[in-house]
Protein backbone atom coordinates (compact mmCIF):
# COMPACT_ATOMS: atom_id res chain seq x y z
CA MET A 1 51.37 68.86 -251.03
CA ILE A 2 50.18 66.44 -253.70
CA SER A 3 46.71 66.96 -255.05
CA ILE A 4 45.06 64.12 -256.98
CA ASN A 5 41.78 64.28 -258.92
CA THR A 6 39.83 61.42 -260.43
CA ARG A 7 38.00 62.17 -263.66
CA PRO A 8 36.44 60.21 -266.53
CA ILE A 9 38.67 59.84 -269.58
CA SER A 10 36.19 61.90 -271.63
CA ASP A 11 37.30 64.96 -269.62
CA LEU A 12 40.70 64.73 -271.26
CA ARG A 13 39.07 65.51 -274.60
CA ASN A 14 36.08 67.58 -273.48
CA HIS A 15 37.83 69.73 -270.88
CA PHE A 16 41.46 69.70 -272.02
CA THR A 17 42.18 73.33 -271.11
CA GLU A 18 40.87 72.78 -267.58
CA VAL A 19 42.79 69.51 -267.23
CA ASN A 20 46.00 71.10 -268.53
CA LYS A 21 45.64 73.99 -266.11
CA ALA A 22 45.12 71.60 -263.18
CA VAL A 23 48.13 69.47 -264.13
CA ASN A 24 50.36 72.52 -264.50
CA GLY A 25 49.00 73.72 -261.15
CA ASN A 26 50.70 70.74 -259.47
CA GLN A 27 47.73 68.37 -259.54
CA SER A 28 47.86 64.81 -260.75
CA ILE A 29 44.75 63.42 -262.40
CA ILE A 30 43.70 59.79 -262.50
CA PHE A 31 41.54 59.18 -265.56
CA THR A 32 39.02 56.37 -265.47
CA VAL A 33 37.39 54.24 -268.14
CA ASN A 34 34.14 52.61 -267.07
CA GLY A 35 34.94 53.52 -263.46
CA LYS A 36 38.38 51.87 -263.44
CA ALA A 37 41.69 53.74 -263.31
CA SER A 38 43.26 53.88 -266.75
CA MET A 39 46.01 56.52 -266.72
CA VAL A 40 47.57 59.29 -264.69
CA THR A 41 48.63 62.72 -265.89
CA MET A 42 51.06 64.99 -264.12
CA SER A 43 53.32 67.91 -264.96
CA PHE A 44 56.62 67.12 -266.60
CA GLU A 45 58.38 68.66 -263.60
CA ARG A 46 56.70 66.20 -261.23
CA PHE A 47 57.34 63.30 -263.61
CA SER A 48 61.02 64.17 -263.90
CA LYS A 49 61.33 64.16 -260.11
CA LEU A 50 59.58 60.81 -259.84
CA ALA A 51 61.55 59.28 -262.69
CA HIS A 52 64.85 60.72 -261.45
CA LEU A 53 65.56 62.19 -264.88
CA ASP A 54 68.35 64.30 -263.39
CA TYR A 55 70.10 61.03 -262.48
CA VAL A 56 69.53 59.66 -265.96
CA GLU A 57 70.92 62.82 -267.53
CA ARG A 58 74.05 62.66 -265.34
CA ALA A 59 74.51 58.96 -266.17
CA LEU A 60 74.28 59.72 -269.89
CA ASP A 61 76.83 62.52 -269.54
CA GLU A 62 79.18 60.14 -267.73
CA ALA A 63 78.70 57.53 -270.44
CA ASP A 64 79.50 60.11 -273.13
CA ALA A 65 82.67 61.15 -271.29
CA PHE A 66 83.70 57.51 -270.88
CA ALA A 67 83.15 56.84 -274.59
CA GLU A 68 85.28 59.81 -275.56
CA ASN A 69 88.20 58.52 -273.47
CA HIS A 70 88.06 54.80 -274.32
CA ALA A 71 88.56 53.05 -277.62
CA GLU A 72 86.33 50.07 -276.80
CA LYS A 73 82.84 50.42 -278.22
CA LEU A 74 79.93 48.14 -277.37
CA THR A 75 77.20 47.14 -279.75
CA HIS A 76 73.53 47.52 -278.98
CA ASN A 77 73.32 43.76 -278.38
CA ASP A 78 76.32 43.81 -276.01
CA VAL A 79 74.76 46.54 -273.88
CA PHE A 80 71.29 45.07 -273.70
CA SER A 81 72.58 41.55 -273.10
CA LYS A 82 74.45 42.84 -270.04
CA ILE A 83 71.41 44.78 -268.82
CA ASN A 84 69.07 41.81 -269.33
CA ALA A 85 71.48 39.53 -267.47
CA LYS A 86 71.47 41.90 -264.48
CA VAL A 87 67.70 42.44 -264.53
CA ASN A 88 66.74 38.83 -265.10
CA GLY A 89 69.40 37.33 -262.86
């Protein structure tokens, strides 16, 4: 079950140990500035699940294996031009 707290941003500084304990206890915390949401903290484990870091790690491993077995190398500009073309249509 996901537990979410809302706290003022000053708690990050003034109550860091408590905040850290809550985050590592599987809580997410929404920090506010002047009553408006500003940022969210969560454990790295939760973040990695949300961000699908396991997928990213596998994709990087596949890319490394591909590079080892192919002579063609792409420049930074080649790679990001292809990505931008796909993202931006």
